[in-house]
Amino acid sequence: MLRFVLLLITSCAAALAPPTVLLVSGSDSGGGAGLQAEIKTCEALGVFSTNAVTAITAQNTVGVHGVHGLPPAFVVEQMDAVFDDFAVDAVKTGLLASVDVVEAVARRLRAADVGGVVVDPVVCAASGDVFVDDATIEAIKAELLPLATVITPNAAEAQLLGGEAVEGTLSVDRARALAARLLEHGPRAVVVKGARLGEDEAPSMAWIGPPRAPGDDVIVDVCAFADGAVATLACPARCETRPPRPPDDLRAGPAVATRNTHGTGCTFSAAVAARLAAGDAPRAAIEGAKVYLDAALRASASLNIGRGAHGPLHHGFRHNAWPA
């Protein structure tokens, strides 16, 4: 009888096992970015998250006040503990602040042979402030990008990884060229976040939503895939792909009006990993992640958390009674 009960419990547990993601990233004491944002994202998308902490930060909505990187051997020890016990469907990497950590994480990922790997190369803020040295950037390109299913650099990171100087804005055409260049390092898909749609590009684009006013800031994400396809993700979330569509296939709309954008990149990359873990192909995972991010940004518009210029997203908008 006892054996039957144990078998029944084991069977039920197996039937309820959700997809699992390993998050290899830094911690944010303010709860808006890093592991905290990524765990919330996975939970919202129905995926179980495990983690390996790479760095501990003292930060809030005002700024980063301190960073303590963990030894590479202990980062790997955390990864070992997860891989030894869990069936990991996808891995997402974030802040890896040294060459030694990048190389250690890459070695462990090669040994694990995980189906989906999302690399969020946290090397540079959207403002252009660089977090790591040149050697670490080169290590990410050489060690991590070849292992990636999807990489998700912001505009500044794409320029650094692509060997260019960081400029204030990145046009859609330059973002497409950088995405194609980064594909040469081996990932199956590249998403360059934060390209600006110039007013001279708008007439050939299909515009949705209210009429575009002169000077409106329109931000789009440009994707390139290993099969040669190029896609553009705009706001509201929509993916248009070419070929076979005409070159000017972008459907664009106004950006989400909210100050609460802290953790946007972490949220997006974690959502891609969650969708990959759930079985999506890279293109579907990217588009699904953009839909979730768009909704979390919109739901955050009425939140007032922290005294800084940029508060956190509303990750749990589907599940709790916070205002949305």
C-alpha atoms as a PDB file:
ATOM      1  CA  MET A   1       0.000   0.000   0.000  1.00  0.00           C
ATOM      2  CA  LEU A   2       2.791   2.396   0.941  1.00  0.00           C
ATOM      3  CA  ARG A   3       4.540   1.695  -2.358  1.00  0.00           C
ATOM      4  CA  PHE A   4       1.307   2.479  -4.235  1.00  0.00           C
ATOM      5  CA  VAL A   5       0.930   5.798  -2.391  1.00  0.00           C
ATOM      6  CA  LEU A   6       4.531   6.750  -3.149  1.00  0.00           C
ATOM      7  CA  LEU A   7       4.056   5.901  -6.823  1.00  0.00           C
ATOM      8  CA  LEU A   8       0.868   7.980  -6.888  1.00  0.00           C
ATOM      9  CA  ILE A   9       2.612  10.964  -5.316  1.00  0.00           C
ATOM     10  CA  THR A  10       5.520  10.653  -7.756  1.00  0.00           C
ATOM     11  CA  SER A  11       3.130  10.423 -10.706  1.00  0.00           C
ATOM     12  CA  CYS A  12       1.195  13.508  -9.618  1.00  0.00           C
ATOM     13  CA  ALA A  13       4.413  15.460  -9.076  1.00  0.00           C
ATOM     14  CA  ALA A  14       5.635  14.570 -12.568  1.00  0.00           C
ATOM     15  CA  ALA A  15       2.317  15.592 -14.095  1.00  0.00           C
ATOM     16  CA  LEU A  16       2.525  19.003 -12.418  1.00  0.00           C
ATOM     17  CA  ALA A  17       6.179  19.738 -13.233  1.00  0.00           C
ATOM     18  CA  PRO A  18       6.315  23.148 -14.972  1.00  0.00           C
ATOM     19  CA  PRO A  19       8.984  24.244 -17.437  1.00  0.00           C
ATOM     20  CA  THR A  20      12.129  25.369 -15.595  1.00  0.00           C
ATOM     21  CA  VAL A  21      14.540  28.239 -16.242  1.00  0.00           C
ATOM     22  CA  LEU A  22      17.946  28.821 -14.666  1.00  0.00           C
ATOM     23  CA  LEU A  23      18.656  32.536 -14.187  1.00  0.00           C
ATOM     24  CA  VAL A  24      22.384  33.330 -13.958  1.00  0.00           C
ATOM     25  CA  SER A  25      22.327  36.960 -12.997  1.00  0.00           C
ATOM     26  CA  GLY A  26      22.892  39.679 -10.424  1.00  0.00           C
ATOM     27  CA  SER A  27      20.606  40.613  -7.548  1.00  0.00           C
ATOM     28  CA  ASP A  28      18.845  43.992  -7.241  1.00  0.00           C
ATOM     29  CA  SER A  29      18.106  45.005  -3.646  1.00  0.00           C
ATOM     30  CA  GLY A  30      15.474  47.417  -4.959  1.00  0.00           C
ATOM     31  CA  GLY A  31      13.532  44.548  -6.521  1.00  0.00           C
ATOM     32  CA  GLY A  32      13.012  46.162  -9.899  1.00  0.00           C
ATOM     33  CA  ALA A  33      15.703  44.608 -12.075  1.00  0.00           C
ATOM     34  CA  GLY A  34      18.122  41.676 -12.095  1.00  0.00           C
ATOM     35  CA  LEU A  35      17.099  38.371 -10.559  1.00  0.00           C
ATOM     36  CA  GLN A  36      14.123  39.883  -8.778  1.00  0.00           C
ATOM     37  CA  ALA A  37      12.544  41.110 -12.019  1.00  0.00           C
ATOM     38  CA  GLU A  38      13.428  37.858 -13.779  1.00  0.00           C
ATOM     39  CA  ILE A  39      11.875  35.624 -11.111  1.00  0.00           C
ATOM     40  CA  LYS A  40       8.670  37.693 -11.186  1.00  0.00           C
ATOM     41  CA  THR A  41       8.589  37.439 -14.974  1.00  0.00           C
ATOM     42  CA  CYS A  42       8.971  33.661 -15.005  1.00  0.00           C
ATOM     43  CA  GLU A  43       6.277  33.295 -12.353  1.00  0.00           C
ATOM     44  CA  ALA A  44       3.902  35.497 -14.350  1.00  0.00           C
ATOM     45  CA  LEU A  45       4.478  33.360 -17.449  1.00  0.00           C
ATOM     46  CA  GLY A  46       3.906  30.041 -15.676  1.00  0.00           C
ATOM     47  CA  VAL A  47       7.531  28.925 -15.569  1.00  0.00           C
ATOM     48  CA  PHE A  48       9.493  27.798 -12.504  1.00  0.00           C
ATOM     49  CA  SER A  49      12.737  29.709 -11.982  1.00  0.00           C
ATOM     50  CA  THR A  50      15.968  28.634 -10.320  1.00  0.00           C
ATOM     51  CA  ASN A  51      18.967  30.919 -10.031  1.00  0.00           C
ATOM     52  CA  ALA A  52      22.706  31.315  -9.678  1.00  0.00           C
ATOM     53  CA  VAL A  53      23.625  34.710  -8.232  1.00  0.00           C
ATOM     54  CA  THR A  54      26.614  36.309  -9.967  1.00  0.00           C
ATOM     55  CA  ALA A  55      26.714  39.595  -8.060  1.00  0.00           C
ATOM     56  CA  ILE A  56      24.961  41.319  -5.185  1.00  0.00           C
ATOM     57  CA  THR A  57      24.112  44.974  -5.691  1.00  0.00           C
ATOM     58  CA  ALA A  58      23.028  47.719  -3.324  1.00  0.00           C
ATOM     59  CA  GLN A  59      20.627  49.653  -5.499  1.00  0.00           C
ATOM     60  CA  ASN A  60      17.212  51.248  -5.651  1.00  0.00           C
ATOM     61  CA  THR A  61      15.251  53.431  -8.049  1.00  0.00           C
ATOM     62  CA  VAL A  62      17.698  56.290  -7.432  1.00  0.00           C
ATOM     63  CA  GLY A  63      20.833  54.431  -8.485  1.00  0.00           C
ATOM     64  CA  VAL A  64      23.417  51.730  -7.879  1.00  0.00           C
ATOM     65  CA  HIS A  65      25.330  52.299  -4.641  1.00  0.00           C
ATOM     66  CA  GLY A  66      27.517  49.197  -4.535  1.00  0.00           C
ATOM     67  CA  VAL A  67      28.318  45.941  -6.331  1.00  0.00           C
ATOM     68  CA  HIS A  68      29.856  42.803  -4.856  1.00  0.00           C
ATOM     69  CA  GLY A  69      30.763  40.151  -7.420  1.00  0.00           C
ATOM     70  CA  LEU A  70      30.718  36.531  -6.312  1.00  0.00           C
ATOM     71  CA  PRO A  71      33.674  34.218  -7.017  1.00  0.00           C
ATOM     72  CA  PRO A  72      33.395  32.287 -10.304  1.00  0.00           C
ATOM     73  CA  ALA A  73      33.718  28.947  -8.500  1.00  0.00           C
ATOM     74  CA  PHE A  74      30.721  29.726  -6.310  1.00  0.00           C
ATOM     75  CA  VAL A  75      28.652  30.847  -9.297  1.00  0.00           C
ATOM     76  CA  VAL A  76      29.385  27.469 -10.899  1.00  0.00           C
ATOM     77  CA  GLU A  77      28.629  25.681  -7.621  1.00  0.00           C
ATOM     78  CA  GLN A  78      25.160  27.216  -7.672  1.00  0.00           C
ATOM     79  CA  MET A  79      24.694  26.141 -11.282  1.00  0.00           C
ATOM     80  CA  ASP A  80      25.833  22.622 -10.390  1.00  0.00           C
ATOM     81  CA  ALA A  81      23.281  22.443  -7.580  1.00  0.00           C
ATOM     82  CA  VAL A  82      20.502  23.393  -9.990  1.00  0.00           C
ATOM     83  CA  PHE A  83      21.543  21.086 -12.836  1.00  0.00           C
ATOM     84  CA  ASP A  84      21.986  18.173 -10.423  1.00  0.00           C
ATOM     85  CA  ASP A  85      18.384  18.393  -9.207  1.00  0.00           C
ATOM     86  CA  PHE A  86      16.238  20.086 -11.856  1.00  0.00           C
ATOM     87  CA  ALA A  87      15.406  19.419 -15.492  1.00  0.00           C
ATOM     88  CA  VAL A  88      16.418  22.821 -16.834  1.00  0.00           C
ATOM     89  CA  ASP A  89      14.684  23.762 -20.083  1.00  0.00           C
ATOM     90  CA  ALA A  90      16.355  27.128 -20.654  1.00  0.00           C
ATOM     91  CA  VAL A  91      19.062  29.344 -19.172  1.00  0.00           C
ATOM     92  CA  LYS A  92      19.184  33.116 -19.080  1.00  0.00           C
ATOM     93  CA  THR A  93      22.424  34.979 -18.309  1.00  0.00           C
ATOM     94  CA  GLY A  94      22.597  38.575 -17.139  1.00  0.00           C
ATOM     95  CA  LEU A  95      25.319  40.491 -15.307  1.00  0.00           C
ATOM     96  CA  LEU A  96      28.640  38.643 -15.660  1.00  0.00           C
ATOM     97  CA  ALA A  97      31.118  41.253 -14.514  1.00  0.00           C
ATOM     98  CA  SER A  98      34.507  39.667 -15.213  1.00  0.00           C
ATOM     99  CA  VAL A  99      36.331  37.496 -17.718  1.00  0.00           C
ATOM    100  CA  ASP A 100      36.665  34.723 -15.135  1.00  0.00           C
ATOM    101  CA  VAL A 101      32.920  34.621 -14.466  1.00  0.00           C
ATOM    102  CA  VAL A 102      32.072  34.666 -18.183  1.00  0.00           C
ATOM    103  CA  GLU A 103      34.464  31.804 -18.913  1.00  0.00           C
ATOM    104  CA  ALA A 104      33.282  29.748 -15.927  1.00  0.00           C
ATOM    105  CA  VAL A 105      29.605  30.154 -16.836  1.00  0.00           C
ATOM    106  CA  ALA A 106      30.309  29.313 -20.481  1.00  0.00           C
ATOM    107  CA  ARG A 107      32.182  26.123 -19.540  1.00  0.00           C
ATOM    108  CA  ARG A 108      29.294  24.985 -17.339  1.00  0.00           C
ATOM    109  CA  LEU A 109      26.729  25.732 -20.044  1.00  0.00           C
ATOM    110  CA  ARG A 110      28.694  23.724 -22.601  1.00  0.00           C
ATOM    111  CA  ALA A 111      28.744  20.773 -20.214  1.00  0.00           C
ATOM    112  CA  ALA A 112      25.012  21.079 -19.514  1.00  0.00           C
ATOM    113  CA  ASP A 113      23.947  21.188 -23.185  1.00  0.00           C
ATOM    114  CA  VAL A 114      20.731  23.118 -22.442  1.00  0.00           C
ATOM    115  CA  GLY A 115      18.233  23.493 -25.277  1.00  0.00           C
ATOM    116  CA  GLY A 116      17.593  27.240 -24.939  1.00  0.00           C
ATOM    117  CA  VAL A 117      20.112  29.886 -23.839  1.00  0.00           C
ATOM    118  CA  VAL A 118      19.276  33.596 -23.674  1.00  0.00           C
ATOM    119  CA  VAL A 119      22.239  35.935 -23.259  1.00  0.00           C
ATOM    120  CA  ASP A 120      21.418  39.410 -22.022  1.00  0.00           C
ATOM    121  CA  PRO A 121      24.879  41.003 -22.358  1.00  0.00           C
ATOM    122  CA  VAL A 122      24.710  43.452 -19.464  1.00  0.00           C
ATOM    123  CA  VAL A 123      27.778  45.468 -20.354  1.00  0.00           C
ATOM    124  CA  CYS A 124      26.421  48.952 -20.930  1.00  0.00           C
ATOM    125  CA  ALA A 125      23.452  51.080 -19.855  1.00  0.00           C
ATOM    126  CA  ALA A 126      21.157  52.551 -22.479  1.00  0.00           C
ATOM    127  CA  SER A 127      22.746  55.906 -21.586  1.00  0.00           C
ATOM    128  CA  GLY A 128      26.125  54.594 -22.770  1.00  0.00           C
ATOM    129  CA  ASP A 129      27.723  54.052 -19.334  1.00  0.00           C
ATOM    130  CA  VAL A 130      29.923  50.920 -19.583  1.00  0.00           C
ATOM    131  CA  PHE A 131      29.842  48.430 -16.673  1.00  0.00           C
ATOM    132  CA  VAL A 132      32.687  46.077 -17.622  1.00  0.00           C
ATOM    133  CA  ASP A 133      36.138  46.236 -19.202  1.00  0.00           C
ATOM    134  CA  ASP A 134      37.049  45.492 -22.806  1.00  0.00           C
ATOM    135  CA  ALA A 135      38.382  42.036 -21.959  1.00  0.00           C
ATOM    136  CA  THR A 136      35.017  41.011 -20.488  1.00  0.00           C
ATOM    137  CA  ILE A 137      33.196  42.256 -23.586  1.00  0.00           C
ATOM    138  CA  GLU A 138      35.539  40.187 -25.772  1.00  0.00           C
ATOM    139  CA  ALA A 139      35.001  37.142 -23.543  1.00  0.00           C
ATOM    140  CA  ILE A 140      31.225  37.463 -23.907  1.00  0.00           C
ATOM    141  CA  LYS A 141      31.601  37.572 -27.692  1.00  0.00           C
ATOM    142  CA  ALA A 142      33.987  34.607 -27.813  1.00  0.00           C
ATOM    143  CA  GLU A 143      32.547  32.367 -25.081  1.00  0.00           C
ATOM    144  CA  LEU A 144      28.842  33.107 -24.636  1.00  0.00           C
ATOM    145  CA  LEU A 145      27.442  34.313 -27.947  1.00  0.00           C
ATOM    146  CA  PRO A 146      28.246  31.035 -29.745  1.00  0.00           C
ATOM    147  CA  LEU A 147      26.176  29.180 -27.116  1.00  0.00           C
ATOM    148  CA  ALA A 148      23.166  31.481 -27.355  1.00  0.00           C
ATOM    149  CA  THR A 149      19.778  30.779 -28.826  1.00  0.00           C
ATOM    150  CA  VAL A 150      18.850  34.466 -28.482  1.00  0.00           C
ATOM    151  CA  ILE A 151      20.882  37.502 -27.440  1.00  0.00           C
ATOM    152  CA  THR A 152      19.186  40.726 -26.336  1.00  0.00           C
ATOM    153  CA  PRO A 153      21.578  43.711 -26.324  1.00  0.00           C
ATOM    154  CA  ASN A 154      20.273  47.236 -25.977  1.00  0.00           C
ATOM    155  CA  ALA A 155      21.320  49.770 -28.601  1.00  0.00           C
ATOM    156  CA  ALA A 156      24.509  50.758 -26.776  1.00  0.00           C
ATOM    157  CA  GLU A 157      25.487  47.146 -26.078  1.00  0.00           C
ATOM    158  CA  ALA A 158      24.926  46.192 -29.707  1.00  0.00           C
ATOM    159  CA  GLN A 159      27.299  48.944 -30.768  1.00  0.00           C
ATOM    160  CA  LEU A 160      29.973  47.841 -28.276  1.00  0.00           C
ATOM    161  CA  LEU A 161      29.646  44.161 -29.176  1.00  0.00           C
ATOM    162  CA  GLY A 162      29.659  45.101 -32.851  1.00  0.00           C
ATOM    163  CA  GLY A 163      32.938  46.983 -32.472  1.00  0.00           C
ATOM    164  CA  GLU A 164      31.470  50.476 -32.862  1.00  0.00           C
ATOM    165  CA  ALA A 165      31.625  53.598 -30.723  1.00  0.00           C
ATOM    166  CA  VAL A 166      28.476  54.188 -28.693  1.00  0.00           C
ATOM    167  CA  GLU A 167      26.355  57.005 -30.106  1.00  0.00           C
ATOM    168  CA  GLY A 168      23.284  58.629 -28.608  1.00  0.00           C
ATOM    169  CA  THR A 169      20.766  57.096 -31.009  1.00  0.00           C
ATOM    170  CA  LEU A 170      20.642  54.082 -33.270  1.00  0.00           C
ATOM    171  CA  SER A 171      18.619  54.107 -36.472  1.00  0.00           C
ATOM    172  CA  VAL A 172      16.597  51.118 -37.627  1.00  0.00           C
ATOM    173  CA  ASP A 173      18.946  50.553 -40.560  1.00  0.00           C
ATOM    174  CA  ARG A 174      22.053  50.561 -38.343  1.00  0.00           C
ATOM    175  CA  ALA A 175      20.317  48.266 -35.855  1.00  0.00           C
ATOM    176  CA  ARG A 176      19.597  45.805 -38.655  1.00  0.00           C
ATOM    177  CA  ALA A 177      23.235  45.872 -39.739  1.00  0.00           C
ATOM    178  CA  LEU A 178      24.478  45.340 -36.175  1.00  0.00           C
ATOM    179  CA  ALA A 179      22.041  42.486 -35.595  1.00  0.00           C
ATOM    180  CA  ALA A 180      23.308  40.766 -38.732  1.00  0.00           C
ATOM    181  CA  ARG A 181      26.917  41.304 -37.623  1.00  0.00           C
ATOM    182  CA  LEU A 182      26.273  39.801 -34.186  1.00  0.00           C
ATOM    183  CA  LEU A 183      24.712  36.743 -35.794  1.00  0.00           C
ATOM    184  CA  GLU A 184      28.171  35.928 -37.135  1.00  0.00           C
ATOM    185  CA  HIS A 185      29.213  35.020 -33.577  1.00  0.00           C
ATOM    186  CA  GLY A 186      26.822  32.060 -33.569  1.00  0.00           C
ATOM    187  CA  PRO A 187      23.479  32.844 -31.891  1.00  0.00           C
ATOM    188  CA  ARG A 188      20.290  31.761 -33.638  1.00  0.00           C
ATOM    189  CA  ALA A 189      18.623  35.138 -33.118  1.00  0.00           C
ATOM    190  CA  VAL A 190      19.645  38.679 -32.152  1.00  0.00           C
ATOM    191  CA  VAL A 191      17.315  41.346 -30.754  1.00  0.00           C
ATOM    192  CA  VAL A 192      18.725  44.871 -30.770  1.00  0.00           C
ATOM    193  CA  LYS A 193      16.560  46.856 -28.364  1.00  0.00           C
ATOM    194  CA  GLY A 194      15.902  50.555 -28.509  1.00  0.00           C
ATOM    195  CA  ALA A 195      16.433  51.638 -32.112  1.00  0.00           C
ATOM    196  CA  ARG A 196      14.830  54.984 -32.940  1.00  0.00           C
ATOM    197  CA  LEU A 197      12.450  55.295 -35.849  1.00  0.00           C
ATOM    198  CA  GLY A 198      13.420  58.484 -37.674  1.00  0.00           C
ATOM    199  CA  GLU A 199      10.760  60.791 -39.033  1.00  0.00           C
ATOM    200  CA  ASP A 200      12.158  60.291 -42.539  1.00  0.00           C
ATOM    201  CA  GLU A 201      11.483  56.542 -42.196  1.00  0.00           C
ATOM    202  CA  ALA A 202       7.870  56.944 -41.098  1.00  0.00           C
ATOM    203  CA  PRO A 203       6.175  57.622 -44.475  1.00  0.00           C
ATOM    204  CA  SER A 204       7.062  54.150 -45.741  1.00  0.00           C
ATOM    205  CA  MET A 205       5.921  52.476 -42.528  1.00  0.00           C
ATOM    206  CA  ALA A 206       2.440  51.362 -41.568  1.00  0.00           C
ATOM    207  CA  TRP A 207       1.504  53.507 -38.560  1.00  0.00           C
ATOM    208  CA  ILE A 208      -1.028  52.349 -35.985  1.00  0.00           C
ATOM    209  CA  GLY A 209      -2.666  54.239 -33.152  1.00  0.00           C
ATOM    210  CA  PRO A 210      -3.027  58.040 -32.838  1.00  0.00           C
ATOM    211  CA  PRO A 211      -1.463  60.215 -35.539  1.00  0.00           C
ATOM    212  CA  ARG A 212       2.255  60.690 -35.027  1.00  0.00           C
ATOM    213  CA  ALA A 213       3.164  64.190 -33.935  1.00  0.00           C
ATOM    214  CA  PRO A 214       6.438  65.806 -35.054  1.00  0.00           C
ATOM    215  CA  GLY A 215       9.214  64.894 -32.644  1.00  0.00           C
ATOM    216  CA  ASP A 216       7.432  61.853 -31.201  1.00  0.00           C
ATOM    217  CA  ASP A 217       9.978  59.376 -29.840  1.00  0.00           C
ATOM    218  CA  VAL A 218       9.256  55.983 -31.401  1.00  0.00           C
ATOM    219  CA  ILE A 219      11.357  53.079 -30.159  1.00  0.00           C
ATOM    220  CA  VAL A 220      11.543  49.723 -31.925  1.00  0.00           C
ATOM    221  CA  ASP A 221      13.451  46.478 -31.444  1.00  0.00           C
ATOM    222  CA  VAL A 222      15.142  44.960 -34.477  1.00  0.00           C
ATOM    223  CA  CYS A 223      15.638  41.198 -34.786  1.00  0.00           C
ATOM    224  CA  ALA A 224      17.791  39.104 -37.082  1.00  0.00           C
ATOM    225  CA  PHE A 225      17.592  35.325 -37.367  1.00  0.00           C
ATOM    226  CA  ALA A 226      20.090  32.731 -38.503  1.00  0.00           C
ATOM    227  CA  ASP A 227      17.788  31.713 -41.358  1.00  0.00           C
ATOM    228  CA  GLY A 228      18.226  35.174 -42.897  1.00  0.00           C
ATOM    229  CA  ALA A 229      14.893  36.657 -41.805  1.00  0.00           C
ATOM    230  CA  VAL A 230      14.719  40.141 -40.292  1.00  0.00           C
ATOM    231  CA  ALA A 231      11.908  41.271 -38.021  1.00  0.00           C
ATOM    232  CA  THR A 232      10.896  44.452 -36.249  1.00  0.00           C
ATOM    233  CA  LEU A 233       9.077  44.557 -32.929  1.00  0.00           C
ATOM    234  CA  ALA A 234       7.254  47.779 -32.292  1.00  0.00           C
ATOM    235  CA  CYS A 235       4.839  49.125 -29.719  1.00  0.00           C
ATOM    236  CA  PRO A 236       2.077  47.988 -29.544  1.00  0.00           C
ATOM    237  CA  ALA A 237       3.785  44.602 -29.770  1.00  0.00           C
ATOM    238  CA  ARG A 238       3.720  43.229 -33.283  1.00  0.00           C
ATOM    239  CA  CYS A 239       6.247  41.258 -35.269  1.00  0.00           C
ATOM    240  CA  GLU A 240       6.562  41.808 -39.003  1.00  0.00           C
ATOM    241  CA  THR A 241       9.080  39.690 -40.872  1.00  0.00           C
ATOM    242  CA  ARG A 242      10.909  39.970 -44.174  1.00  0.00           C
ATOM    243  CA  PRO A 243      11.417  38.286 -46.524  1.00  0.00           C
ATOM    244  CA  PRO A 244       8.939  37.519 -48.053  1.00  0.00           C
ATOM    245  CA  ARG A 245       7.245  40.745 -46.894  1.00  0.00           C
ATOM    246  CA  PRO A 246       8.280  44.038 -48.548  1.00  0.00           C
ATOM    247  CA  PRO A 247      11.344  45.731 -47.038  1.00  0.00           C
ATOM    248  CA  ASP A 248       9.344  48.546 -45.444  1.00  0.00           C
ATOM    249  CA  ASP A 249       7.218  46.259 -43.330  1.00  0.00           C
ATOM    250  CA  LEU A 250       7.373  47.995 -39.961  1.00  0.00           C
ATOM    251  CA  ARG A 251       4.135  48.615 -38.121  1.00  0.00           C
ATOM    252  CA  ALA A 252       4.847  51.209 -35.430  1.00  0.00           C
ATOM    253  CA  GLY A 253       2.912  53.035 -32.743  1.00  0.00           C
ATOM    254  CA  PRO A 254       3.590  55.425 -29.875  1.00  0.00           C
ATOM    255  CA  ALA A 255       5.788  54.308 -26.993  1.00  0.00           C
ATOM    256  CA  VAL A 256       4.202  53.381 -23.655  1.00  0.00           C
ATOM    257  CA  ALA A 257       3.761  56.478 -21.504  1.00  0.00           C
ATOM    258  CA  THR A 258       5.267  55.491 -18.141  1.00  0.00           C
ATOM    259  CA  ARG A 259       8.259  56.469 -16.026  1.00  0.00           C
ATOM    260  CA  ASN A 260       8.423  52.928 -14.637  1.00  0.00           C
ATOM    261  CA  THR A 261      11.001  51.321 -16.895  1.00  0.00           C
ATOM    262  CA  HIS A 262      13.571  50.028 -14.376  1.00  0.00           C
ATOM    263  CA  GLY A 263      14.293  46.398 -15.234  1.00  0.00           C
ATOM    264  CA  THR A 264      12.848  46.481 -18.745  1.00  0.00           C
ATOM    265  CA  GLY A 265      15.793  44.633 -20.315  1.00  0.00           C
ATOM    266  CA  CYS A 266      15.942  41.973 -17.592  1.00  0.00           C
ATOM    267  CA  THR A 267      12.204  41.431 -17.900  1.00  0.00           C
ATOM    268  CA  PHE A 268      12.299  41.045 -21.668  1.00  0.00           C
ATOM    269  CA  SER A 269      15.209  38.586 -21.736  1.00  0.00           C
ATOM    270  CA  ALA A 270      13.711  36.533 -18.888  1.00  0.00           C
ATOM    271  CA  ALA A 271      10.410  36.409 -20.745  1.00  0.00           C
ATOM    272  CA  VAL A 272      12.187  35.120 -23.865  1.00  0.00           C
ATOM    273  CA  ALA A 273      13.826  32.401 -21.752  1.00  0.00           C
ATOM    274  CA  ALA A 274      10.490  31.511 -20.149  1.00  0.00           C
ATOM    275  CA  ARG A 275       8.835  31.148 -23.547  1.00  0.00           C
ATOM    276  CA  LEU A 276      11.736  29.035 -24.854  1.00  0.00           C
ATOM    277  CA  ALA A 277      11.442  26.808 -21.772  1.00  0.00           C
ATOM    278  CA  ALA A 278       7.744  26.395 -22.492  1.00  0.00           C
ATOM    279  CA  GLY A 279       8.546  25.118 -25.984  1.00  0.00           C
ATOM    280  CA  ASP A 280       8.375  28.187 -28.226  1.00  0.00           C
ATOM    281  CA  ALA A 281      10.686  28.560 -31.196  1.00  0.00           C
ATOM    282  CA  PRO A 282      12.960  31.638 -30.959  1.00  0.00           C
ATOM    283  CA  ARG A 283      10.765  33.865 -33.121  1.00  0.00           C
ATOM    284  CA  ALA A 284       7.590  33.045 -31.190  1.00  0.00           C
ATOM    285  CA  ALA A 285       9.436  33.398 -27.866  1.00  0.00           C
ATOM    286  CA  ILE A 286      10.683  36.874 -28.800  1.00  0.00           C
ATOM    287  CA  GLU A 287       7.294  38.089 -29.922  1.00  0.00           C
ATOM    288  CA  GLY A 288       5.549  36.596 -26.875  1.00  0.00           C
ATOM    289  CA  ALA A 289       8.092  38.250 -24.581  1.00  0.00           C
ATOM    290  CA  LYS A 290       7.458  41.600 -26.232  1.00  0.00           C
ATOM    291  CA  VAL A 291       3.712  41.224 -25.714  1.00  0.00           C
ATOM    292  CA  TYR A 292       4.256  40.511 -21.996  1.00  0.00           C
ATOM    293  CA  LEU A 293       6.708  43.404 -21.598  1.00  0.00           C
ATOM    294  CA  ASP A 294       4.351  45.804 -23.344  1.00  0.00           C
ATOM    295  CA  ALA A 295       1.514  44.825 -20.978  1.00  0.00           C
ATOM    296  CA  ALA A 296       3.724  45.061 -17.868  1.00  0.00           C
ATOM    297  CA  LEU A 297       4.864  48.537 -18.893  1.00  0.00           C
ATOM    298  CA  ARG A 298       1.313  49.718 -19.512  1.00  0.00           C
ATOM    299  CA  ALA A 299       0.152  48.287 -16.188  1.00  0.00           C
ATOM    300  CA  SER A 300       2.971  50.136 -14.386  1.00  0.00           C
ATOM    301  CA  ALA A 301       1.868  53.599 -15.514  1.00  0.00           C
ATOM    302  CA  SER A 302      -0.123  54.297 -12.340  1.00  0.00           C
ATOM    303  CA  LEU A 303       2.439  52.859  -9.898  1.00  0.00           C
ATOM    304  CA  ASN A 304       4.430  55.136  -7.579  1.00  0.00           C
ATOM    305  CA  ILE A 305       7.253  53.023  -6.131  1.00  0.00           C
ATOM    306  CA  GLY A 306      10.516  54.622  -5.053  1.00  0.00           C
ATOM    307  CA  ARG A 307      11.789  58.195  -5.290  1.00  0.00           C
ATOM    308  CA  GLY A 308      13.936  57.717  -8.393  1.00  0.00           C
ATOM    309  CA  ALA A 309      13.242  58.796 -11.946  1.00  0.00           C
ATOM    310  CA  HIS A 310      12.416  55.241 -13.043  1.00  0.00           C
ATOM    311  CA  GLY A 311      10.356  52.845 -10.945  1.00  0.00           C
ATOM    312  CA  PRO A 312       9.793  49.113 -11.492  1.00  0.00           C
ATOM    313  CA  LEU A 313       7.415  47.407 -13.896  1.00  0.00           C
ATOM    314  CA  HIS A 314       4.157  45.805 -12.774  1.00  0.00           C
ATOM    315  CA  HIS A 315       5.130  42.173 -13.373  1.00  0.00           C
ATOM    316  CA  GLY A 316       2.133  40.658 -11.631  1.00  0.00           C
ATOM    317  CA  PHE A 317      -0.568  42.696 -13.324  1.00  0.00           C
ATOM    318  CA  ARG A 318      -2.555  39.550 -14.184  1.00  0.00           C
ATOM    319  CA  HIS A 319      -2.596  38.159 -10.673  1.00  0.00           C
ATOM    320  CA  ASN A 320      -2.960  40.830  -8.019  1.00  0.00           C
ATOM    321  CA  ALA A 321      -4.967  43.894  -7.096  1.00  0.00           C
ATOM    322  CA  TRP A 322      -2.299  46.559  -7.543  1.00  0.00           C
ATOM    323  CA  PRO A 323      -3.651  49.423  -9.627  1.00  0.00           C
ATOM    324  CA  ALA A 324      -3.152  48.991 -13.339  1.00  0.00           C
END
